[in-house]
Amino acid sequence: MANNKVYSRVGNFNNVHESCTRMNSQQVYTDKRMCAYWVNAKGEKRYGYCANRNNRVDCVTGCERYDVCNLSQEDGSCKWGPAACMEKMGCGGRAGDADCLNISRFFSA
């Protein structure tokens, strides 16, 4: 879990949120990867996705909490359910996409 900190320069990017970096490296995530960071000392957290906007990489707030089947949307909303789960896990219906097997267990009553 990252801190709510912005670095002035990481790799080729300016103003990069800590949650969109790989720890102890110059690697920056700009591919809508899930990000999360601590907001305060009480343990409050924020979740979202990494976005590169005009050479600034932010953790854009989306879902209120992390869940394997939450997917933060560009408008700030949160998509949840089987479709979001499939999209997040990268299931393309191709051989080798075994990361999507048994996702129905997340939606059982």
PDB file of N, CA and C in Angstrom:
ATOM      1  N   MET A   1       0.854  -1.170   0.000  1.00  0.00           N
ATOM      2  CA  MET A   1       0.000   0.000   0.000  1.00  0.00           C
ATOM      3  C   MET A   1       0.898   1.231   0.000  1.00  0.00           C
ATOM      4  N   ALA A   2       0.618   2.159  -0.862  1.00  0.00           N
ATOM      5  CA  ALA A   2       1.425   3.365  -1.013  1.00  0.00           C
ATOM      6  C   ALA A   2       0.905   4.488  -0.114  1.00  0.00           C
ATOM      7  N   ASN A   3       1.696   5.534  -0.021  1.00  0.00           N
ATOM      8  CA  ASN A   3       1.284   6.747   0.672  1.00  0.00           C
ATOM      9  C   ASN A   3       0.667   7.701  -0.347  1.00  0.00           C
ATOM     10  N   ASN A   4      -0.052   8.693   0.133  1.00  0.00           N
ATOM     11  CA  ASN A   4      -0.644   9.697  -0.738  1.00  0.00           C
ATOM     12  C   ASN A   4       0.417  10.756  -1.022  1.00  0.00           C
ATOM     13  N   LYS A   5       1.365  10.362  -1.858  1.00  0.00           N
ATOM     14  CA  LYS A   5       2.527  11.200  -2.142  1.00  0.00           C
ATOM     15  C   LYS A   5       2.710  11.304  -3.652  1.00  0.00           C
ATOM     16  N   VAL A   6       3.117  12.483  -4.121  1.00  0.00           N
ATOM     17  CA  VAL A   6       3.389  12.696  -5.539  1.00  0.00           C
ATOM     18  C   VAL A   6       4.863  13.030  -5.685  1.00  0.00           C
ATOM     19  N   TYR A   7       5.547  12.268  -6.561  1.00  0.00           N
ATOM     20  CA  TYR A   7       6.964  12.517  -6.859  1.00  0.00           C
ATOM     21  C   TYR A   7       7.044  13.465  -8.043  1.00  0.00           C
ATOM     22  N   SER A   8       7.966  14.429  -7.977  1.00  0.00           N
ATOM     23  CA  SER A   8       8.073  15.410  -9.052  1.00  0.00           C
ATOM     24  C   SER A   8       8.551  14.798 -10.360  1.00  0.00           C
ATOM     25  N   ARG A   9       9.385  13.746 -10.283  1.00  0.00           N
ATOM     26  CA  ARG A   9       9.884  13.103 -11.507  1.00  0.00           C
ATOM     27  C   ARG A   9      10.204  11.639 -11.236  1.00  0.00           C
ATOM     28  N   VAL A  10       9.629  10.746 -12.042  1.00  0.00           N
ATOM     29  CA  VAL A  10       9.937   9.317 -11.997  1.00  0.00           C
ATOM     30  C   VAL A  10      10.072   8.858 -13.436  1.00  0.00           C
ATOM     31  N   GLY A  11      11.230   8.303 -13.792  1.00  0.00           N
ATOM     32  CA  GLY A  11      11.455   7.884 -15.174  1.00  0.00           C
ATOM     33  C   GLY A  11      11.260   9.044 -16.115  1.00  0.00           C
ATOM     34  N   ASN A  12      10.393   8.884 -17.092  1.00  0.00           N
ATOM     35  CA  ASN A  12      10.130   9.942 -18.078  1.00  0.00           C
ATOM     36  C   ASN A  12       8.890  10.773 -17.759  1.00  0.00           C
ATOM     37  N   PHE A  13       8.358  10.621 -16.561  1.00  0.00           N
ATOM     38  CA  PHE A  13       7.110  11.289 -16.217  1.00  0.00           C
ATOM     39  C   PHE A  13       7.300  12.308 -15.096  1.00  0.00           C
ATOM     40  N   ASN A  14       6.511  13.381 -15.155  1.00  0.00           N
ATOM     41  CA  ASN A  14       6.479  14.392 -14.101  1.00  0.00           C
ATOM     42  C   ASN A  14       5.255  14.144 -13.221  1.00  0.00           C
ATOM     43  N   ASN A  15       5.352  14.518 -11.951  1.00  0.00           N
ATOM     44  CA  ASN A  15       4.220  14.462 -11.027  1.00  0.00           C
ATOM     45  C   ASN A  15       3.538  13.101 -11.029  1.00  0.00           C
ATOM     46  N   VAL A  16       4.219  12.119 -10.448  1.00  0.00           N
ATOM     47  CA  VAL A  16       3.740  10.740 -10.435  1.00  0.00           C
ATOM     48  C   VAL A  16       3.283  10.350  -9.034  1.00  0.00           C
ATOM     49  N   HIS A  17       2.042   9.880  -8.918  1.00  0.00           N
ATOM     50  CA  HIS A  17       1.529   9.429  -7.625  1.00  0.00           C
ATOM     51  C   HIS A  17       2.257   8.151  -7.231  1.00  0.00           C
ATOM     52  N   GLU A  18       2.655   8.051  -5.961  1.00  0.00           N
ATOM     53  CA  GLU A  18       3.423   6.903  -5.481  1.00  0.00           C
ATOM     54  C   GLU A  18       2.747   5.560  -5.767  1.00  0.00           C
ATOM     55  N   SER A  19       1.434   5.508  -5.709  1.00  0.00           N
ATOM     56  CA  SER A  19       0.725   4.241  -5.914  1.00  0.00           C
ATOM     57  C   SER A  19       0.774   3.762  -7.364  1.00  0.00           C
ATOM     58  N   CYS A  20       1.264   4.592  -8.267  1.00  0.00           N
ATOM     59  CA  CYS A  20       1.387   4.209  -9.677  1.00  0.00           C
ATOM     60  C   CYS A  20       2.844   3.947 -10.055  1.00  0.00           C
ATOM     61  N   THR A  21       3.646   3.611  -9.058  1.00  0.00           N
ATOM     62  CA  THR A  21       5.043   3.262  -9.301  1.00  0.00           C
ATOM     63  C   THR A  21       5.330   1.888  -8.725  1.00  0.00           C
ATOM     64  N   ARG A  22       6.376   1.268  -9.262  1.00  0.00           N
ATOM     65  CA  ARG A  22       6.852   0.014  -8.681  1.00  0.00           C
ATOM     66  C   ARG A  22       7.858   0.382  -7.603  1.00  0.00           C
ATOM     67  N   MET A  23       7.682  -0.193  -6.420  1.00  0.00           N
ATOM     68  CA  MET A  23       8.518   0.137  -5.270  1.00  0.00           C
ATOM     69  C   MET A  23      10.014  -0.027  -5.588  1.00  0.00           C
ATOM     70  N   ASN A  24      10.791   0.953  -5.172  1.00  0.00           N
ATOM     71  CA  ASN A  24      12.248   0.962  -5.328  1.00  0.00           C
ATOM     72  C   ASN A  24      12.703   0.842  -6.779  1.00  0.00           C
ATOM     73  N   SER A  25      11.957   1.458  -7.685  1.00  0.00           N
ATOM     74  CA  SER A  25      12.356   1.435  -9.090  1.00  0.00           C
ATOM     75  C   SER A  25      11.907   2.732  -9.762  1.00  0.00           C
ATOM     76  N   GLN A  26      12.235   2.868 -11.026  1.00  0.00           N
ATOM     77  CA  GLN A  26      11.796   4.013 -11.829  1.00  0.00           C
ATOM     78  C   GLN A  26      10.635   3.622 -12.751  1.00  0.00           C
ATOM     79  N   GLN A  27      10.001   2.466 -12.474  1.00  0.00           N
ATOM     80  CA  GLN A  27       8.899   1.984 -13.311  1.00  0.00           C
ATOM     81  C   GLN A  27       7.601   2.678 -12.926  1.00  0.00           C
ATOM     82  N   VAL A  28       6.926   3.220 -13.929  1.00  0.00           N
ATOM     83  CA  VAL A  28       5.659   3.929 -13.733  1.00  0.00           C
ATOM     84  C   VAL A  28       4.557   3.161 -14.444  1.00  0.00           C
ATOM     85  N   TYR A  29       3.428   2.972 -13.757  1.00  0.00           N
ATOM     86  CA  TYR A  29       2.274   2.288 -14.336  1.00  0.00           C
ATOM     87  C   TYR A  29       1.307   3.322 -14.903  1.00  0.00           C
ATOM     88  N   THR A  30       1.037   3.229 -16.187  1.00  0.00           N
ATOM     89  CA  THR A  30       0.130   4.178 -16.844  1.00  0.00           C
ATOM     90  C   THR A  30      -1.017   3.460 -17.540  1.00  0.00           C
ATOM     91  N   ASP A  31      -1.178   2.164 -17.294  1.00  0.00           N
ATOM     92  CA  ASP A  31      -2.090   1.329 -18.070  1.00  0.00           C
ATOM     93  C   ASP A  31      -3.407   1.020 -17.365  1.00  0.00           C
ATOM     94  N   LYS A  32      -3.945   1.963 -16.613  1.00  0.00           N
ATOM     95  CA  LYS A  32      -5.203   1.788 -15.883  1.00  0.00           C
ATOM     96  C   LYS A  32      -5.116   0.649 -14.875  1.00  0.00           C
ATOM     97  N   ARG A  33      -3.936   0.423 -14.365  1.00  0.00           N
ATOM     98  CA  ARG A  33      -3.714  -0.584 -13.326  1.00  0.00           C
ATOM     99  C   ARG A  33      -4.358  -0.099 -12.027  1.00  0.00           C
ATOM    100  N   MET A  34      -4.852  -1.029 -11.234  1.00  0.00           N
ATOM    101  CA  MET A  34      -5.430  -0.699  -9.931  1.00  0.00           C
ATOM    102  C   MET A  34      -4.367  -0.049  -9.048  1.00  0.00           C
ATOM    103  N   CYS A  35      -4.731   1.007  -8.346  1.00  0.00           N
ATOM    104  CA  CYS A  35      -3.816   1.654  -7.406  1.00  0.00           C
ATOM    105  C   CYS A  35      -4.554   1.865  -6.082  1.00  0.00           C
ATOM    106  N   ALA A  36      -3.790   1.963  -5.018  1.00  0.00           N
ATOM    107  CA  ALA A  36      -4.373   2.164  -3.687  1.00  0.00           C
ATOM    108  C   ALA A  36      -3.361   2.907  -2.832  1.00  0.00           C
ATOM    109  N   TYR A  37      -3.861   3.723  -1.908  1.00  0.00           N
ATOM    110  CA  TYR A  37      -2.953   4.467  -1.030  1.00  0.00           C
ATOM    111  C   TYR A  37      -3.647   4.814   0.281  1.00  0.00           C
ATOM    112  N   TRP A  38      -2.822   5.011   1.298  1.00  0.00           N
ATOM    113  CA  TRP A  38      -3.315   5.426   2.616  1.00  0.00           C
ATOM    114  C   TRP A  38      -3.667   6.901   2.557  1.00  0.00           C
ATOM    115  N   VAL A  39      -4.781   7.273   3.158  1.00  0.00           N
ATOM    116  CA  VAL A  39      -5.211   8.667   3.191  1.00  0.00           C
ATOM    117  C   VAL A  39      -4.795   9.330   4.495  1.00  0.00           C
ATOM    118  N   ASN A  40      -4.862   8.571   5.607  1.00  0.00           N
ATOM    119  CA  ASN A  40      -4.544   9.145   6.909  1.00  0.00           C
ATOM    120  C   ASN A  40      -4.019   8.071   7.856  1.00  0.00           C
ATOM    121  N   ALA A  41      -3.666   8.489   9.053  1.00  0.00           N
ATOM    122  CA  ALA A  41      -3.111   7.579  10.053  1.00  0.00           C
ATOM    123  C   ALA A  41      -4.175   6.670  10.676  1.00  0.00           C
ATOM    124  N   LYS A  42      -5.441   6.916  10.394  1.00  0.00           N
ATOM    125  CA  LYS A  42      -6.525   6.082  10.925  1.00  0.00           C
ATOM    126  C   LYS A  42      -6.735   4.817  10.096  1.00  0.00           C
ATOM    127  N   GLY A  43      -5.985   4.669   9.012  1.00  0.00           N
ATOM    128  CA  GLY A  43      -6.099   3.481   8.173  1.00  0.00           C
ATOM    129  C   GLY A  43      -7.053   3.636   6.999  1.00  0.00           C
ATOM    130  N   GLU A  44      -7.550   4.849   6.773  1.00  0.00           N
ATOM    131  CA  GLU A  44      -8.450   5.080   5.645  1.00  0.00           C
ATOM    132  C   GLU A  44      -7.663   4.964   4.345  1.00  0.00           C
ATOM    133  N   LYS A  45      -8.253   4.285   3.351  1.00  0.00           N
ATOM    134  CA  LYS A  45      -7.584   4.060   2.073  1.00  0.00           C
ATOM    135  C   LYS A  45      -8.448   4.555   0.926  1.00  0.00           C
ATOM    136  N   ARG A  46      -7.805   4.811  -0.196  1.00  0.00           N
ATOM    137  CA  ARG A  46      -8.490   5.153  -1.437  1.00  0.00           C
ATOM    138  C   ARG A  46      -8.019   4.180  -2.510  1.00  0.00           C
ATOM    139  N   TYR A  47      -8.922   3.836  -3.411  1.00  0.00           N
ATOM    140  CA  TYR A  47      -8.620   2.926  -4.508  1.00  0.00           C
ATOM    141  C   TYR A  47      -8.995   3.591  -5.814  1.00  0.00           C
ATOM    142  N   GLY A  48      -8.327   3.219  -6.859  1.00  0.00           N
ATOM    143  CA  GLY A  48      -8.635   3.763  -8.173  1.00  0.00           C
ATOM    144  C   GLY A  48      -7.821   3.067  -9.242  1.00  0.00           C
ATOM    145  N   TYR A  49      -7.469   3.823 -10.279  1.00  0.00           N
ATOM    146  CA  TYR A  49      -6.662   3.292 -11.370  1.00  0.00           C
ATOM    147  C   TYR A  49      -5.655   4.346 -11.800  1.00  0.00           C
ATOM    148  N   CYS A  50      -4.530   3.903 -12.329  1.00  0.00           N
ATOM    149  CA  CYS A  50      -3.471   4.811 -12.777  1.00  0.00           C
ATOM    150  C   CYS A  50      -3.822   5.354 -14.156  1.00  0.00           C
ATOM    151  N   ALA A  51      -3.608   6.648 -14.336  1.00  0.00           N
ATOM    152  CA  ALA A  51      -3.896   7.290 -15.616  1.00  0.00           C
ATOM    153  C   ALA A  51      -2.840   8.339 -15.919  1.00  0.00           C
ATOM    154  N   ASN A  52      -2.347   8.341 -17.153  1.00  0.00           N
ATOM    155  CA  ASN A  52      -1.383   9.325 -17.627  1.00  0.00           C
ATOM    156  C   ASN A  52      -2.141  10.432 -18.342  1.00  0.00           C
ATOM    157  N   ARG A  53      -2.101  11.607 -17.763  1.00  0.00           N
ATOM    158  CA  ARG A  53      -2.783  12.760 -18.347  1.00  0.00           C
ATOM    159  C   ARG A  53      -1.788  13.901 -18.462  1.00  0.00           C
ATOM    160  N   ASN A  54      -1.416  14.231 -19.676  1.00  0.00           N
ATOM    161  CA  ASN A  54      -0.475  15.322 -19.936  1.00  0.00           C
ATOM    162  C   ASN A  54       0.824  15.144 -19.164  1.00  0.00           C
ATOM    163  N   ASN A  55       1.392  13.954 -19.232  1.00  0.00           N
ATOM    164  CA  ASN A  55       2.663  13.606 -18.593  1.00  0.00           C
ATOM    165  C   ASN A  55       2.593  13.656 -17.061  1.00  0.00           C
ATOM    166  N   ARG A  56       1.394  13.603 -16.498  1.00  0.00           N
ATOM    167  CA  ARG A  56       1.171  13.518 -15.056  1.00  0.00           C
ATOM    168  C   ARG A  56       0.452  12.199 -14.801  1.00  0.00           C
ATOM    169  N   VAL A  57       0.980  11.384 -13.903  1.00  0.00           N
ATOM    170  CA  VAL A  57       0.381  10.076 -13.641  1.00  0.00           C
ATOM    171  C   VAL A  57      -0.304  10.116 -12.279  1.00  0.00           C
ATOM    172  N   ASP A  58      -1.622   9.994 -12.292  1.00  0.00           N
ATOM    173  CA  ASP A  58      -2.439  10.071 -11.080  1.00  0.00           C
ATOM    174  C   ASP A  58      -3.087   8.735 -10.766  1.00  0.00           C
ATOM    175  N   CYS A  59      -3.425   8.549  -9.488  1.00  0.00           N
ATOM    176  CA  CYS A  59      -4.286   7.454  -9.073  1.00  0.00           C
ATOM    177  C   CYS A  59      -5.685   8.062  -9.029  1.00  0.00           C
ATOM    178  N   VAL A  60      -6.441   7.841 -10.086  1.00  0.00           N
ATOM    179  CA  VAL A  60      -7.771   8.428 -10.228  1.00  0.00           C
ATOM    180  C   VAL A  60      -8.753   7.612  -9.401  1.00  0.00           C
ATOM    181  N   THR A  61      -9.433   8.271  -8.478  1.00  0.00           N
ATOM    182  CA  THR A  61     -10.353   7.589  -7.582  1.00  0.00           C
ATOM    183  C   THR A  61     -11.481   6.942  -8.352  1.00  0.00           C
ATOM    184  N   GLY A  62     -11.792   5.718  -7.950  1.00  0.00           N
ATOM    185  CA  GLY A  62     -12.888   4.979  -8.589  1.00  0.00           C
ATOM    186  C   GLY A  62     -13.641   4.210  -7.529  1.00  0.00           C
ATOM    187  N   CYS A  63     -13.345   2.928  -7.388  1.00  0.00           N
ATOM    188  CA  CYS A  63     -14.030   2.082  -6.416  1.00  0.00           C
ATOM    189  C   CYS A  63     -13.627   2.459  -4.991  1.00  0.00           C
ATOM    190  N   GLU A  64     -14.580   2.372  -4.055  1.00  0.00           N
ATOM    191  CA  GLU A  64     -14.316   2.737  -2.666  1.00  0.00           C
ATOM    192  C   GLU A  64     -13.413   1.747  -1.959  1.00  0.00           C
ATOM    193  N   ARG A  65     -13.435   0.492  -2.395  1.00  0.00           N
ATOM    194  CA  ARG A  65     -12.589  -0.515  -1.772  1.00  0.00           C
ATOM    195  C   ARG A  65     -12.114  -1.473  -2.842  1.00  0.00           C
ATOM    196  N   TYR A  66     -11.049  -2.198  -2.538  1.00  0.00           N
ATOM    197  CA  TYR A  66     -10.531  -3.160  -3.494  1.00  0.00           C
ATOM    198  C   TYR A  66     -11.336  -4.449  -3.417  1.00  0.00           C
ATOM    199  N   ASP A  67     -11.690  -4.980  -4.549  1.00  0.00           N
ATOM    200  CA  ASP A  67     -12.319  -6.283  -4.661  1.00  0.00           C
ATOM    201  C   ASP A  67     -11.871  -6.850  -5.993  1.00  0.00           C
ATOM    202  N   VAL A  68     -11.695  -8.136  -6.061  1.00  0.00           N
ATOM    203  CA  VAL A  68     -11.213  -8.752  -7.294  1.00  0.00           C
ATOM    204  C   VAL A  68     -12.123  -8.438  -8.474  1.00  0.00           C
ATOM    205  N   CYS A  69     -13.369  -8.155  -8.227  1.00  0.00           N
ATOM    206  CA  CYS A  69     -14.305  -7.880  -9.313  1.00  0.00           C
ATOM    207  C   CYS A  69     -14.790  -6.439  -9.347  1.00  0.00           C
ATOM    208  N   ASN A  70     -14.049  -5.506  -8.757  1.00  0.00           N
ATOM    209  CA  ASN A  70     -14.296  -4.078  -8.900  1.00  0.00           C
ATOM    210  C   ASN A  70     -13.431  -3.571 -10.040  1.00  0.00           C
ATOM    211  N   LEU A  71     -13.929  -2.642 -10.804  1.00  0.00           N
ATOM    212  CA  LEU A  71     -13.152  -2.028 -11.866  1.00  0.00           C
ATOM    213  C   LEU A  71     -13.480  -0.547 -11.897  1.00  0.00           C
ATOM    214  N   SER A  72     -12.513   0.297 -11.555  1.00  0.00           N
ATOM    215  CA  SER A  72     -12.718   1.746 -11.561  1.00  0.00           C
ATOM    216  C   SER A  72     -12.883   2.243 -12.985  1.00  0.00           C
ATOM    217  N   GLN A  73     -13.845   3.126 -13.177  1.00  0.00           N
ATOM    218  CA  GLN A  73     -14.136   3.674 -14.496  1.00  0.00           C
ATOM    219  C   GLN A  73     -13.575   5.086 -14.620  1.00  0.00           C
ATOM    220  N   GLU A  74     -13.362   5.532 -15.851  1.00  0.00           N
ATOM    221  CA  GLU A  74     -12.788   6.855 -16.091  1.00  0.00           C
ATOM    222  C   GLU A  74     -13.661   7.985 -15.567  1.00  0.00           C
ATOM    223  N   ASP A  75     -14.963   7.764 -15.443  1.00  0.00           N
ATOM    224  CA  ASP A  75     -15.850   8.816 -14.942  1.00  0.00           C
ATOM    225  C   ASP A  75     -15.909   8.847 -13.413  1.00  0.00           C
ATOM    226  N   GLY A  76     -15.098   8.003 -12.743  1.00  0.00           N
ATOM    227  CA  GLY A  76     -15.061   7.971 -11.285  1.00  0.00           C
ATOM    228  C   GLY A  76     -16.007   6.961 -10.678  1.00  0.00           C
ATOM    229  N   SER A  77     -16.811   6.313 -11.491  1.00  0.00           N
ATOM    230  CA  SER A  77     -17.739   5.309 -10.977  1.00  0.00           C
ATOM    231  C   SER A  77     -17.025   3.972 -10.819  1.00  0.00           C
ATOM    232  N   CYS A  78     -17.752   3.020 -10.276  1.00  0.00           N
ATOM    233  CA  CYS A  78     -17.191   1.698 -10.030  1.00  0.00           C
ATOM    234  C   CYS A  78     -18.076   0.650 -10.684  1.00  0.00           C
ATOM    235  N   LYS A  79     -17.480  -0.152 -11.544  1.00  0.00           N
ATOM    236  CA  LYS A  79     -18.186  -1.244 -12.206  1.00  0.00           C
ATOM    237  C   LYS A  79     -17.912  -2.504 -11.401  1.00  0.00           C
ATOM    238  N   TRP A  80     -18.945  -3.299 -11.134  1.00  0.00           N
ATOM    239  CA  TRP A  80     -18.772  -4.514 -10.332  1.00  0.00           C
ATOM    240  C   TRP A  80     -19.571  -5.649 -10.947  1.00  0.00           C
ATOM    241  N   GLY A  81     -19.078  -6.836 -10.818  1.00  0.00           N
ATOM    242  CA  GLY A  81     -19.809  -8.009 -11.276  1.00  0.00           C
ATOM    243  C   GLY A  81     -19.006  -8.848 -12.249  1.00  0.00           C
ATOM    244  N   PRO A  82     -19.648  -9.852 -12.826  1.00  0.00           N
ATOM    245  CA  PRO A  82     -18.931 -10.774 -13.715  1.00  0.00           C
ATOM    246  C   PRO A  82     -18.235 -10.084 -14.878  1.00  0.00           C
ATOM    247  N   ALA A  83     -18.893  -9.118 -15.520  1.00  0.00           N
ATOM    248  CA  ALA A  83     -18.285  -8.440 -16.668  1.00  0.00           C
ATOM    249  C   ALA A  83     -17.036  -7.665 -16.246  1.00  0.00           C
ATOM    250  N   ALA A  84     -17.105  -6.968 -15.109  1.00  0.00           N
ATOM    251  CA  ALA A  84     -15.940  -6.224 -14.615  1.00  0.00           C
ATOM    252  C   ALA A  84     -14.820  -7.177 -14.254  1.00  0.00           C
ATOM    253  N   CYS A  85     -15.179  -8.287 -13.644  1.00  0.00           N
ATOM    254  CA  CYS A  85     -14.192  -9.282 -13.246  1.00  0.00           C
ATOM    255  C   CYS A  85     -13.471  -9.840 -14.471  1.00  0.00           C
ATOM    256  N   MET A  86     -14.227 -10.170 -15.493  1.00  0.00           N
ATOM    257  CA  MET A  86     -13.641 -10.705 -16.721  1.00  0.00           C
ATOM    258  C   MET A  86     -12.733  -9.675 -17.372  1.00  0.00           C
ATOM    259  N   GLU A  87     -13.173  -8.420 -17.417  1.00  0.00           N
ATOM    260  CA  GLU A  87     -12.378  -7.356 -18.034  1.00  0.00           C
ATOM    261  C   GLU A  87     -11.090  -7.119 -17.252  1.00  0.00           C
ATOM    262  N   LYS A  88     -11.183  -7.081 -15.941  1.00  0.00           N
ATOM    263  CA  LYS A  88     -10.025  -6.819 -15.089  1.00  0.00           C
ATOM    264  C   LYS A  88      -8.989  -7.934 -15.167  1.00  0.00           C
ATOM    265  N   MET A  89      -9.453  -9.168 -15.236  1.00  0.00           N
ATOM    266  CA  MET A  89      -8.536 -10.298 -15.260  1.00  0.00           C
ATOM    267  C   MET A  89      -7.977 -10.576 -16.645  1.00  0.00           C
ATOM    268  N   GLY A  90      -8.446  -9.864 -17.634  1.00  0.00           N
ATOM    269  CA  GLY A  90      -7.915 -10.020 -18.969  1.00  0.00           C
ATOM    270  C   GLY A  90      -8.383 -11.268 -19.684  1.00  0.00           C
ATOM    271  N   CYS A  91      -9.603 -11.691 -19.429  1.00  0.00           N
ATOM    272  CA  CYS A  91     -10.119 -12.906 -20.049  1.00  0.00           C
ATOM    273  C   CYS A  91     -10.543 -12.604 -21.475  1.00  0.00           C
ATOM    274  N   GLY A  92      -9.942 -13.296 -22.407  1.00  0.00           N
ATOM    275  CA  GLY A  92     -10.253 -13.055 -23.790  1.00  0.00           C
ATOM    276  C   GLY A  92     -10.884 -14.231 -24.483  1.00  0.00           C
ATOM    277  N   GLY A  93     -11.224 -15.290 -23.741  1.00  0.00           N
ATOM    278  CA  GLY A  93     -11.817 -16.460 -24.352  1.00  0.00           C
ATOM    279  C   GLY A  93     -10.821 -17.267 -25.168  1.00  0.00           C
ATOM    280  N   ARG A  94      -9.535 -17.036 -24.933  1.00  0.00           N
ATOM    281  CA  ARG A  94      -8.490 -17.748 -25.659  1.00  0.00           C
ATOM    282  C   ARG A  94      -7.911 -18.845 -24.788  1.00  0.00           C
ATOM    283  N   ALA A  95      -7.322 -19.826 -25.425  1.00  0.00           N
ATOM    284  CA  ALA A  95      -6.630 -20.876 -24.681  1.00  0.00           C
ATOM    285  C   ALA A  95      -5.539 -20.224 -23.847  1.00  0.00           C
ATOM    286  N   GLY A  96      -5.412 -20.639 -22.632  1.00  0.00           N
ATOM    287  CA  GLY A  96      -4.401 -20.069 -21.751  1.00  0.00           C
ATOM    288  C   GLY A  96      -4.940 -18.998 -20.830  1.00  0.00           C
ATOM    289  N   ASP A  97      -6.162 -18.571 -21.037  1.00  0.00           N
ATOM    290  CA  ASP A  97      -6.751 -17.551 -20.166  1.00  0.00           C
ATOM    291  C   ASP A  97      -7.372 -18.208 -18.934  1.00  0.00           C
ATOM    292  N   ALA A  98      -6.610 -19.060 -18.281  1.00  0.00           N
ATOM    293  CA  ALA A  98      -7.113 -19.814 -17.134  1.00  0.00           C
ATOM    294  C   ALA A  98      -7.327 -18.942 -15.909  1.00  0.00           C
ATOM    295  N   ASP A  99      -6.880 -17.680 -15.944  1.00  0.00           N
ATOM    296  CA  ASP A  99      -7.080 -16.795 -14.797  1.00  0.00           C
ATOM    297  C   ASP A  99      -8.554 -16.496 -14.561  1.00  0.00           C
ATOM    298  N   CYS A 100      -9.427 -16.846 -15.479  1.00  0.00           N
ATOM    299  CA  CYS A 100     -10.854 -16.569 -15.329  1.00  0.00           C
ATOM    300  C   CYS A 100     -11.671 -17.781 -14.926  1.00  0.00           C
ATOM    301  N   LEU A 101     -11.036 -18.906 -14.752  1.00  0.00           N
ATOM    302  CA  LEU A 101     -11.780 -20.093 -14.357  1.00  0.00           C
ATOM    303  C   LEU A 101     -12.360 -19.906 -12.952  1.00  0.00           C
ATOM    304  N   ASN A 102     -13.548 -20.355 -12.769  1.00  0.00           N
ATOM    305  CA  ASN A 102     -14.223 -20.356 -11.460  1.00  0.00           C
ATOM    306  C   ASN A 102     -14.526 -18.967 -10.904  1.00  0.00           C
ATOM    307  N   ILE A 103     -14.655 -17.934 -11.748  1.00  0.00           N
ATOM    308  CA  ILE A 103     -14.999 -16.621 -11.193  1.00  0.00           C
ATOM    309  C   ILE A 103     -16.421 -16.599 -10.667  1.00  0.00           C
ATOM    310  N   SER A 104     -17.237 -17.566 -11.064  1.00  0.00           N
ATOM    311  CA  SER A 104     -18.613 -17.599 -10.587  1.00  0.00           C
ATOM    312  C   SER A 104     -18.679 -17.720  -9.070  1.00  0.00           C
ATOM    313  N   ARG A 105     -17.621 -18.207  -8.433  1.00  0.00           N
ATOM    314  CA  ARG A 105     -17.620 -18.352  -6.975  1.00  0.00           C
ATOM    315  C   ARG A 105     -17.727 -16.999  -6.272  1.00  0.00           C
ATOM    316  N   PHE A 106     -17.343 -15.912  -6.962  1.00  0.00           N
ATOM    317  CA  PHE A 106     -17.439 -14.575  -6.376  1.00  0.00           C
ATOM    318  C   PHE A 106     -18.868 -14.064  -6.354  1.00  0.00           C
ATOM    319  N   PHE A 107     -19.745 -14.702  -7.126  1.00  0.00           N
ATOM    320  CA  PHE A 107     -21.096 -14.195  -7.283  1.00  0.00           C
ATOM    321  C   PHE A 107     -22.169 -15.119  -6.749  1.00  0.00           C
ATOM    322  N   SER A 108     -21.753 -16.157  -6.009  1.00  0.00           N
ATOM    323  CA  SER A 108     -22.739 -17.083  -5.461  1.00  0.00           C
ATOM    324  C   SER A 108     -23.448 -16.439  -4.268  1.00  0.00           C
ATOM    325  N   ALA A 109     -24.684 -16.834  -4.081  1.00  0.00           N
ATOM    326  CA  ALA A 109     -25.499 -16.226  -3.025  1.00  0.00           C
ATOM    327  C   ALA A 109     -25.107 -16.723  -1.652  1.00  0.00           C
TER     328      ALA A 109
END
